[in-house]
Structure formats: C-alpha cells, structure tokens
C-alpha atoms as a PDB file:
ATOM      1  CA  MET A   1     145.797  45.710  99.896  1.00  0.00           C
ATOM      2  CA  LYS A   2     142.636  46.902  98.354  1.00  0.00           C
ATOM      3  CA  PHE A   3     140.508  44.626 100.537  1.00  0.00           C
ATOM      4  CA  ARG A   4     142.187  46.035 103.591  1.00  0.00           C
ATOM      5  CA  GLN A   5     141.455  49.629 102.534  1.00  0.00           C
ATOM      6  CA  ILE A   6     137.836  48.869 101.905  1.00  0.00           C
ATOM      7  CA  LYS A   7     137.551  47.100 105.246  1.00  0.00           C
ATOM      8  CA  LEU A   8     139.042  50.150 106.964  1.00  0.00           C
ATOM      9  CA  LEU A   9     136.673  52.484 105.170  1.00  0.00           C
ATOM     10  CA  LEU A  10     133.642  50.328 106.231  1.00  0.00           C
ATOM     11  CA  ARG A  11     134.750  50.375 109.782  1.00  0.00           C
ATOM     12  CA  PHE A  12     135.243  54.133 109.726  1.00  0.00           C
ATOM     13  CA  ALA A  13     131.723  54.539 108.176  1.00  0.00           C
ATOM     14  CA  LEU A  14     130.192  52.282 110.823  1.00  0.00           C
ATOM     15  CA  ILE A  15     131.800  54.213 113.617  1.00  0.00           C
ATOM     16  CA  ILE A  16     130.539  57.553 112.274  1.00  0.00           C
ATOM     17  CA  ILE A  17     127.034  56.190 111.789  1.00  0.00           C
ATOM     18  CA  ALA A  18     126.981  54.611 115.235  1.00  0.00           C
ATOM     19  CA  PHE A  19     128.221  57.843 116.812  1.00  0.00           C
ATOM     20  CA  ALA A  20     126.076  60.291 114.883  1.00  0.00           C
ATOM     21  CA  LEU A  21     122.822  58.293 114.746  1.00  0.00           C
ATOM     22  CA  PRO A  22     121.604  59.057 118.297  1.00  0.00           C
ATOM     23  CA  PHE A  23     122.118  62.757 117.570  1.00  0.00           C
ATOM     24  CA  PHE A  24     119.766  62.812 114.603  1.00  0.00           C
ATOM     25  CA  LEU A  25     116.900  60.592 115.642  1.00  0.00           C
ATOM     26  CA  VAL A  26     113.723  62.397 114.921  1.00  0.00           C
ATOM     27  CA  LYS A  27     110.637  61.562 117.022  1.00  0.00           C
ATOM     28  CA  ASN A  28     107.726  61.558 114.564  1.00  0.00           C
ATOM     29  CA  VAL A  29     104.401  60.634 116.151  1.00  0.00           C
ATOM     30  CA  VAL A  30     101.178  61.615 114.343  1.00  0.00           C
ATOM     31  CA  GLY A  31      99.808  64.746 115.820  1.00  0.00           C
ATOM     32  CA  ALA A  32     102.911  65.499 117.923  1.00  0.00           C
ATOM     33  CA  THR A  33     105.423  68.241 117.487  1.00  0.00           C
ATOM     34  CA  PRO A  34     108.559  66.944 115.712  1.00  0.00           C
ATOM     35  CA  SER A  35     111.612  66.759 117.960  1.00  0.00           C
ATOM     36  CA  ILE A  36     115.357  66.066 117.543  1.00  0.00           C
ATOM     37  CA  ILE A  37     116.698  63.811 120.351  1.00  0.00           C
ATOM     38  CA  ILE A  38     120.293  64.364 121.349  1.00  0.00           C
ATOM     39  CA  PRO A  39     121.575  62.768 124.537  1.00  0.00           C
ATOM     40  CA  SER A  40     120.979  65.097 127.446  1.00  0.00           C
ATOM     41  CA  PHE A  41     119.600  67.735 125.115  1.00  0.00           C
ATOM     42  CA  ARG A  42     116.179  68.017 123.413  1.00  0.00           C
ATOM     43  CA  LEU A  43     115.281  70.421 120.678  1.00  0.00           C
ATOM     44  CA  THR A  44     111.604  70.951 119.942  1.00  0.00           C
ATOM     45  CA  LEU A  45     110.485  72.367 116.660  1.00  0.00           C
ATOM     46  CA  THR A  46     107.422  74.668 116.860  1.00  0.00           C
ATOM     47  CA  PRO A  47     105.778  76.451 113.957  1.00  0.00           C
ATOM     48  CA  PRO A  48     106.297  80.247 113.853  1.00  0.00           C
ATOM     49  CA  ILE A  49     103.797  82.443 115.597  1.00  0.00           C
ATOM     50  CA  THR A  50     101.603  84.139 113.031  1.00  0.00           C
ATOM     51  CA  PRO A  51      99.935  87.494 113.945  1.00  0.00           C
ATOM     52  CA  PRO A  52      96.133  87.612 113.835  1.00  0.00           C
ATOM     53  CA  PRO A  53      94.678  88.588 110.500  1.00  0.00           C
ATOM     54  CA  THR A  54      94.263  92.271 109.920  1.00  0.00           C
ATOM     55  CA  PRO A  55      90.570  93.131 109.954  1.00  0.00           C
ATOM     56  CA  ILE A  56      89.215  94.360 106.642  1.00  0.00           C
ATOM     57  CA  THR A  57      87.692  97.767 107.109  1.00  0.00           C
ATOM     58  CA  PRO A  58      84.679  98.571 104.980  1.00  0.00           C
ATOM     59  CA  PRO A  59      85.012 101.454 102.566  1.00  0.00           C
ATOM     60  CA  LEU A  60      83.971 104.810 103.933  1.00  0.00           C
ATOM     61  CA  SER A  61      80.780 106.279 102.618  1.00  0.00           C
ATOM     62  CA  ASN A  62      81.164 108.692  99.675  1.00  0.00           C
ATOM     63  CA  THR A  63      80.209 112.312  99.783  1.00  0.00           C
ATOM     64  CA  ASN A  64      79.045 113.862  96.502  1.00  0.00           C
ATOM     65  CA  PRO A  65      81.250 116.586  95.028  1.00  0.00           C
ATOM     66  CA  GLU A  66      80.078 120.164  95.410  1.00  0.00           C
ATOM     67  CA  ILE A  67      79.940 122.750  92.682  1.00  0.00           C
ATOM     68  CA  ILE A  68      80.882 125.847  94.692  1.00  0.00           C
ATOM     69  CA  THR A  69      80.633 128.772  92.215  1.00  0.00           C
ATOM     70  CA  GLU A  70      77.588 130.833  93.123  1.00  0.00           C
ATOM     71  CA  SER A  71      76.768 132.552  89.851  1.00  0.00           C
ATOM     72  CA  LEU A  72      78.112 133.736  86.507  1.00  0.00           C
ATOM     73  CA  PRO A  73      78.792 137.440  85.720  1.00  0.00           C
ATOM     74  CA  VAL A  74      76.928 139.197  82.992  1.00  0.00           C
ATOM     75  CA  GLY A  75      78.607 139.198  79.541  1.00  0.00           C
ATOM     76  CA  PHE A  76      78.380 141.558  76.570  1.00  0.00           C
ATOM     77  CA  VAL A  77      77.859 140.832  72.860  1.00  0.00           C
ATOM     78  CA  ARG A  78      81.090 140.996  70.759  1.00  0.00           C
ATOM     79  CA  HIS A  79      83.280 141.422  73.947  1.00  0.00           C
ATOM     80  CA  PHE A  80      85.548 138.688  75.258  1.00  0.00           C
ATOM     81  CA  TYR A  81      83.997 136.828  78.210  1.00  0.00           C
ATOM     82  CA  SER A  82      85.635 134.503  80.668  1.00  0.00           C
ATOM     83  CA  ALA A  83      84.260 132.950  83.965  1.00  0.00           C
ATOM     84  CA  SER A  84      85.290 129.918  86.009  1.00  0.00           C
ATOM     85  CA  ILE A  85      83.215 127.296  87.713  1.00  0.00           C
ATOM     86  CA  GLN A  86      84.793 125.201  90.410  1.00  0.00           C
ATOM     87  CA  ALA A  87      83.860 121.896  92.027  1.00  0.00           C
ATOM     88  CA  ILE A  88      85.384 120.249  95.055  1.00  0.00           C
ATOM     89  CA  ASP A  89      85.243 116.883  96.724  1.00  0.00           C
ATOM     90  CA  ARG A  90      85.481 116.776 100.538  1.00  0.00           C
ATOM     91  CA  ASP A  91      86.605 113.081 100.437  1.00  0.00           C
ATOM     92  CA  SER A  92      89.620 114.157  98.267  1.00  0.00           C
ATOM     93  CA  ASP A  93      88.442 111.901  95.455  1.00  0.00           C
ATOM     94  CA  LYS A  94      89.350 112.834  91.869  1.00  0.00           C
ATOM     95  CA  VAL A  95      86.530 114.988  90.452  1.00  0.00           C
ATOM     96  CA  ASN A  96      85.589 115.741  86.849  1.00  0.00           C
ATOM     97  CA  LEU A  97      83.570 118.817  86.102  1.00  0.00           C
ATOM     98  CA  SER A  98      81.804 119.302  82.714  1.00  0.00           C
ATOM     99  CA  VAL A  99      79.831 122.248  81.245  1.00  0.00           C
ATOM    100  CA  SER A 100      77.263 122.048  78.535  1.00  0.00           C
ATOM    101  CA  ASN A 101      75.191 124.553  76.472  1.00  0.00           C
ATOM    102  CA  PRO A 102      77.516 127.541  76.242  1.00  0.00           C
ATOM    103  CA  PRO A 103      76.175 130.381  73.993  1.00  0.00           C
ATOM    104  CA  LEU A 104      77.167 130.609  70.308  1.00  0.00           C
ATOM    105  CA  GLY A 105      80.764 131.909  70.107  1.00  0.00           C
ATOM    106  CA  MET A 106      81.769 130.500  73.440  1.00  0.00           C
ATOM    107  CA  ARG A 107      83.196 127.220  74.701  1.00  0.00           C
ATOM    108  CA  SER A 108      84.518 125.613  77.873  1.00  0.00           C
ATOM    109  CA  SER A 109      87.798 124.180  79.019  1.00  0.00           C
ATOM    110  CA  CYS A 110      88.009 121.940  82.069  1.00  0.00           C
ATOM    111  CA  GLN A 111      90.915 120.798  84.272  1.00  0.00           C
ATOM    112  CA  ALA A 112      90.201 117.791  86.458  1.00  0.00           C
ATOM    113  CA  GLY A 113      92.256 117.102  89.582  1.00  0.00           C
ATOM    114  CA  ARG A 114      92.375 115.379  92.854  1.00  0.00           C
ATOM    115  CA  ALA A 115      89.746 116.888  95.184  1.00  0.00           C
ATOM    116  CA  SER A 116      88.947 119.811  92.848  1.00  0.00           C
ATOM    117  CA  SER A 117      88.194 120.650  89.268  1.00  0.00           C
ATOM    118  CA  THR A 118      87.771 123.864  87.359  1.00  0.00           C
ATOM    119  CA  CYS A 119      85.968 124.728  84.090  1.00  0.00           C
ATOM    120  CA  THR A 120      86.383 128.044  82.306  1.00  0.00           C
ATOM    121  CA  ILE A 121      83.684 129.320  79.988  1.00  0.00           C
ATOM    122  CA  PHE A 122      85.222 131.741  77.473  1.00  0.00           C
ATOM    123  CA  GLY A 123      84.866 133.262  74.069  1.00  0.00           C
ATOM    124  CA  VAL A 124      83.126 136.190  72.300  1.00  0.00           C
ATOM    125  CA  PRO A 125      79.258 135.797  72.558  1.00  0.00           C
ATOM    126  CA  ARG A 126      77.474 136.650  69.252  1.00  0.00           C
ATOM    127  CA  ASN A 127      73.940 137.102  70.557  1.00  0.00           C
ATOM    128  CA  THR A 128      72.122 138.726  73.451  1.00  0.00           C
ATOM    129  CA  GLY A 129      69.966 136.590  75.664  1.00  0.00           C
ATOM    130  CA  SER A 130      69.759 134.447  78.745  1.00  0.00           C
ATOM    131  CA  TYR A 131      71.394 131.031  78.507  1.00  0.00           C
ATOM    132  CA  MET A 132      71.099 128.075  80.845  1.00  0.00           C
ATOM    133  CA  ILE A 133      74.531 126.640  81.476  1.00  0.00           C
ATOM    134  CA  ARG A 134      74.505 123.120  82.852  1.00  0.00           C
ATOM    135  CA  THR A 135      77.353 121.738  84.972  1.00  0.00           C
ATOM    136  CA  ARG A 136      77.961 118.236  86.282  1.00  0.00           C
ATOM    137  CA  ALA A 137      80.613 117.093  88.727  1.00  0.00           C
ATOM    138  CA  VAL A 138      81.406 113.382  89.185  1.00  0.00           C
ATOM    139  CA  ASP A 139      83.986 111.958  91.656  1.00  0.00           C
ATOM    140  CA  SER A 140      86.055 108.832  91.184  1.00  0.00           C
ATOM    141  CA  ARG A 141      83.752 106.750  93.390  1.00  0.00           C
ATOM    142  CA  GLY A 142      80.539 107.650  91.527  1.00  0.00           C
ATOM    143  CA  GLY A 143      79.245 110.605  93.561  1.00  0.00           C
ATOM    144  CA  GLU A 144      77.520 113.142  91.302  1.00  0.00           C
ATOM    145  CA  THR A 145      76.179 116.666  91.525  1.00  0.00           C
ATOM    146  CA  THR A 146      74.587 118.952  88.889  1.00  0.00           C
ATOM    147  CA  LYS A 147      74.018 122.686  88.978  1.00  0.00           C
ATOM    148  CA  ASN A 148      72.511 125.128  86.453  1.00  0.00           C
ATOM    149  CA  TYR A 149      73.567 128.727  85.914  1.00  0.00           C
ATOM    150  CA  LEU A 150      71.920 131.531  84.121  1.00  0.00           C
ATOM    151  CA  LEU A 151      74.382 133.380  81.867  1.00  0.00           C
ATOM    152  CA  VAL A 152      72.952 136.724  80.670  1.00  0.00           C
ATOM    153  CA  ILE A 153      74.506 138.308  77.622  1.00  0.00           C
ATOM    154  CA  LYS A 154      73.596 141.992  76.966  1.00  0.00           C
ATOM    155  CA  ASN A 155      74.333 144.628  74.424  1.00  0.00           C
ATOM    156  CA  TRP A 156      77.280 146.900  75.294  1.00  0.00           C
END
C-alpha cells in the first residue's frame, strides 16, 4: 500500500512538472533581456526607466549685508540714552550685527535674525566727548560689512 501511494505521488509530481515546465522557462542569453516563454505568450522583462539626473545648480553669489542706519543721535551726560542700529541682508541670509567701543556707562544688546539684525546702544553716559562706535555685520555665507558711527555726548 505504501509503495502504491509513493508511486502515485511521483506520477502526480511528474505530471505537474511536465505541465508547468514550459511555462517557466527563462531565456537567459548573455547581453539579452531576460524573457519568460509561455506557449503563445511571451513576457519580456525590461528595467524601469529612470529619469535623467537633476542638474546641480551652482550656489548663487552672495551679497554682503548692509548696515542701514544713517547716524546716531546726540546724547547727554547723566541722561538715559538709547539708539538702534540695523543691518539687513538682501539674500535673506541670517545676519549677525555687533557693536564695539560704546562710551563708559553704556552697552549694547543685539538681536540676530534671518535677513536682518538690530543692535541697541543704551545706558547713561558718564562723560562728554565724541566716541567712534564700530559696527560689523556678517551673514551666514561669510559676507561682511563694517561701518563706523560718531556718537557725540554733550552736557545737558
């Protein structure tokens, strides 16, 4: 009985292989496109079409930031003083503005931002005189501008 079942299974397997084999023959010739041959039907496998590569655009040239404040107002000894200096970047790069050399009794506070930056000079000046205030604006791509202002402090 067991022999008969094995024989039947082998026959069944041979029939399936004999029937299915022509459907799954793959033509594989070097340099040719692989194909599956099925009687009266041929399926050709082609690689997917890839789009052409996207051209790499060179970076745009960088424009230096501009310090747009024209001048500083006159201040008075022992009276609170506040003035703002503003820088912009026409390329919309982040710009950092810095101020140096404020008179004794005064300091600066700067707020950097995208495309603009503002520094405020404030405090109570202690002495009269003319002071050279130096400003420097640098954008995120290395563009740089400097500008000097004359701050005059007088007696009230």
